């Protein structure tokens, strides 16, 4: 924790910067929803990359996970690997040629 006013002002400046970054990336997310990429899958992938970046900023800064013990990082790495596996499964299911598109 901060012991002197300069450290407190530095922490407040950092939180304000992260808040502005989150606002900017929210605007980017909304702008990306109006952009048509090569396929709908690419729109989802790019949107999830931006959302993952925003979630990591919130977790690291506002939830103070950047100062945690190594066990927390191991659990977080497992969670990231699991989420990545789900994204890959979504991609494979979206490109599955056995799905009927006539409905």
Foldseek 3Di string as FASTA:
>chain_A
DDDDPVVVVVLVVVVVVLVVVLVVLVVVLVVLVPDDDPHVLVSVVVSVVSVVVNVVSCCCRVVVPVPDDVVVVVVVVVVVVVVVVVSVVVVCVVPDPVDDPPD
